[in-house]
């Protein structure tokens, strides 16, 4: 993966609420589930895509996809530089 296509990574400083996403058959889009999880401090997340008009953004963590509020991500996590990873 080239530096221009590398996904932004964050380290969670304070627990972060997230909604579990699931694959949508026949589509690259994911659907939200009824599962709310707390992503613990010190977890490393990978940003996926862009911030939606709703203020939500998808992240990858622990082998799954989740949706979080971008504002919460900014307040409760810090961007990792390549040297931090």
C-alpha atoms as a PDB file:
ATOM      1  CA  UNK A   1       0.000   0.000   0.000  1.00  0.00           C
ATOM      2  CA  UNK A   2       1.471   3.328  -0.986  1.00  0.00           C
ATOM      3  CA  UNK A   3       1.654   6.208   1.504  1.00  0.00           C
ATOM      4  CA  UNK A   4      -1.067   8.055  -0.429  1.00  0.00           C
ATOM      5  CA  UNK A   5      -3.530   5.166   0.021  1.00  0.00           C
ATOM      6  CA  UNK A   6      -2.600   4.264   3.598  1.00  0.00           C
ATOM      7  CA  UNK A   7      -5.573   4.515   5.948  1.00  0.00           C
ATOM      8  CA  UNK A   8      -5.446   6.854   8.906  1.00  0.00           C
ATOM      9  CA  UNK A   9      -5.005   5.032  12.213  1.00  0.00           C
ATOM     10  CA  UNK A  10      -6.035   6.173  15.690  1.00  0.00           C
ATOM     11  CA  UNK A  11      -5.150   5.030  19.211  1.00  0.00           C
ATOM     12  CA  UNK A  12      -8.121   5.235  21.573  1.00  0.00           C
ATOM     13  CA  UNK A  13      -7.322   7.243  24.728  1.00  0.00           C
ATOM     14  CA  UNK A  14     -10.755   6.893  26.390  1.00  0.00           C
ATOM     15  CA  UNK A  15     -13.354   4.168  25.695  1.00  0.00           C
ATOM     16  CA  UNK A  16     -15.388   4.846  22.585  1.00  0.00           C
ATOM     17  CA  UNK A  17     -18.986   3.804  21.845  1.00  0.00           C
ATOM     18  CA  UNK A  18     -19.494   2.122  18.473  1.00  0.00           C
ATOM     19  CA  UNK A  19     -22.181   0.311  16.494  1.00  0.00           C
ATOM     20  CA  UNK A  20     -21.206  -3.030  14.930  1.00  0.00           C
ATOM     21  CA  UNK A  21     -21.621  -3.178  11.149  1.00  0.00           C
ATOM     22  CA  UNK A  22     -22.330  -6.304   9.125  1.00  0.00           C
ATOM     23  CA  UNK A  23     -21.743  -7.195   5.492  1.00  0.00           C
ATOM     24  CA  UNK A  24     -24.594  -6.534   3.096  1.00  0.00           C
ATOM     25  CA  UNK A  25     -24.845  -9.441   0.602  1.00  0.00           C
ATOM     26  CA  UNK A  26     -24.141  -8.352  -2.958  1.00  0.00           C
ATOM     27  CA  UNK A  27     -22.844  -4.927  -1.937  1.00  0.00           C
ATOM     28  CA  UNK A  28     -19.661  -3.349  -0.650  1.00  0.00           C
ATOM     29  CA  UNK A  29     -21.773  -1.386   1.861  1.00  0.00           C
ATOM     30  CA  UNK A  30     -22.291  -2.514   5.442  1.00  0.00           C
ATOM     31  CA  UNK A  31     -25.469  -2.299   7.496  1.00  0.00           C
ATOM     32  CA  UNK A  32     -25.618  -1.205  11.133  1.00  0.00           C
ATOM     33  CA  UNK A  33     -26.707  -3.837  13.642  1.00  0.00           C
ATOM     34  CA  UNK A  34     -28.400  -3.475  17.022  1.00  0.00           C
ATOM     35  CA  UNK A  35     -25.075  -4.295  18.693  1.00  0.00           C
ATOM     36  CA  UNK A  36     -23.493  -1.425  20.626  1.00  0.00           C
ATOM     37  CA  UNK A  37     -19.925  -2.031  21.802  1.00  0.00           C
ATOM     38  CA  UNK A  38     -17.370  -0.108  23.793  1.00  0.00           C
ATOM     39  CA  UNK A  39     -13.968   0.039  22.150  1.00  0.00           C
ATOM     40  CA  UNK A  40     -11.466   0.063  25.022  1.00  0.00           C
ATOM     41  CA  UNK A  41      -8.649   2.519  25.620  1.00  0.00           C
ATOM     42  CA  UNK A  42      -5.327   1.658  23.913  1.00  0.00           C
ATOM     43  CA  UNK A  43      -7.121   0.008  20.971  1.00  0.00           C
ATOM     44  CA  UNK A  44      -5.879   0.913  17.497  1.00  0.00           C
ATOM     45  CA  UNK A  45      -8.532   1.748  14.901  1.00  0.00           C
ATOM     46  CA  UNK A  46      -8.230   2.184  11.162  1.00  0.00           C
ATOM     47  CA  UNK A  47     -10.409   4.816   9.517  1.00  0.00           C
ATOM     48  CA  UNK A  48     -12.421   3.524   6.569  1.00  0.00           C
ATOM     49  CA  UNK A  49     -13.886   5.998   4.115  1.00  0.00           C
ATOM     50  CA  UNK A  50     -15.070   9.505   4.831  1.00  0.00           C
ATOM     51  CA  UNK A  51     -17.235  11.163   7.434  1.00  0.00           C
ATOM     52  CA  UNK A  52     -20.919  10.897   6.483  1.00  0.00           C
ATOM     53  CA  UNK A  53     -23.298  13.857   6.644  1.00  0.00           C
ATOM     54  CA  UNK A  54     -24.725  12.217   9.794  1.00  0.00           C
ATOM     55  CA  UNK A  55     -21.344  12.735  11.486  1.00  0.00           C
ATOM     56  CA  UNK A  56     -20.618   8.998  11.535  1.00  0.00           C
ATOM     57  CA  UNK A  57     -17.475   7.366  10.206  1.00  0.00           C
ATOM     58  CA  UNK A  58     -16.602   3.698   9.772  1.00  0.00           C
ATOM     59  CA  UNK A  59     -13.597   2.218  11.536  1.00  0.00           C
ATOM     60  CA  UNK A  60     -11.986  -1.198  11.511  1.00  0.00           C
ATOM     61  CA  UNK A  61     -11.097  -2.766  14.864  1.00  0.00           C
ATOM     62  CA  UNK A  62     -10.520  -6.268  16.191  1.00  0.00           C
ATOM     63  CA  UNK A  63     -11.400  -7.908  12.879  1.00  0.00           C
ATOM     64  CA  UNK A  64     -14.718  -6.093  12.499  1.00  0.00           C
ATOM     65  CA  UNK A  65     -16.254  -2.926  11.096  1.00  0.00           C
ATOM     66  CA  UNK A  66     -17.904  -0.363  13.335  1.00  0.00           C
ATOM     67  CA  UNK A  67     -19.527   3.040  13.042  1.00  0.00           C
ATOM     68  CA  UNK A  68     -18.584   5.846  15.455  1.00  0.00           C
ATOM     69  CA  UNK A  69     -19.296   9.537  15.671  1.00  0.00           C
ATOM     70  CA  UNK A  70     -16.332  11.368  14.153  1.00  0.00           C
ATOM     71  CA  UNK A  71     -16.531  14.006  16.898  1.00  0.00           C
ATOM     72  CA  UNK A  72     -16.184  11.253  19.537  1.00  0.00           C
ATOM     73  CA  UNK A  73     -13.236   9.796  17.640  1.00  0.00           C
ATOM     74  CA  UNK A  74     -11.488  13.173  17.590  1.00  0.00           C
ATOM     75  CA  UNK A  75     -12.139  13.741  21.306  1.00  0.00           C
ATOM     76  CA  UNK A  76     -11.265  10.249  22.535  1.00  0.00           C
ATOM     77  CA  UNK A  77      -8.474   9.099  20.220  1.00  0.00           C
ATOM     78  CA  UNK A  78      -5.269  10.412  18.713  1.00  0.00           C
ATOM     79  CA  UNK A  79      -3.972  10.007  15.177  1.00  0.00           C
ATOM     80  CA  UNK A  80      -1.000   7.676  14.915  1.00  0.00           C
ATOM     81  CA  UNK A  81       1.955   8.588  12.760  1.00  0.00           C
ATOM     82  CA  UNK A  82       3.831   5.795  10.969  1.00  0.00           C
ATOM     83  CA  UNK A  83       6.479   6.041  13.711  1.00  0.00           C
ATOM     84  CA  UNK A  84       3.822   5.394  16.391  1.00  0.00           C
ATOM     85  CA  UNK A  85       2.494   2.221  14.746  1.00  0.00           C
END
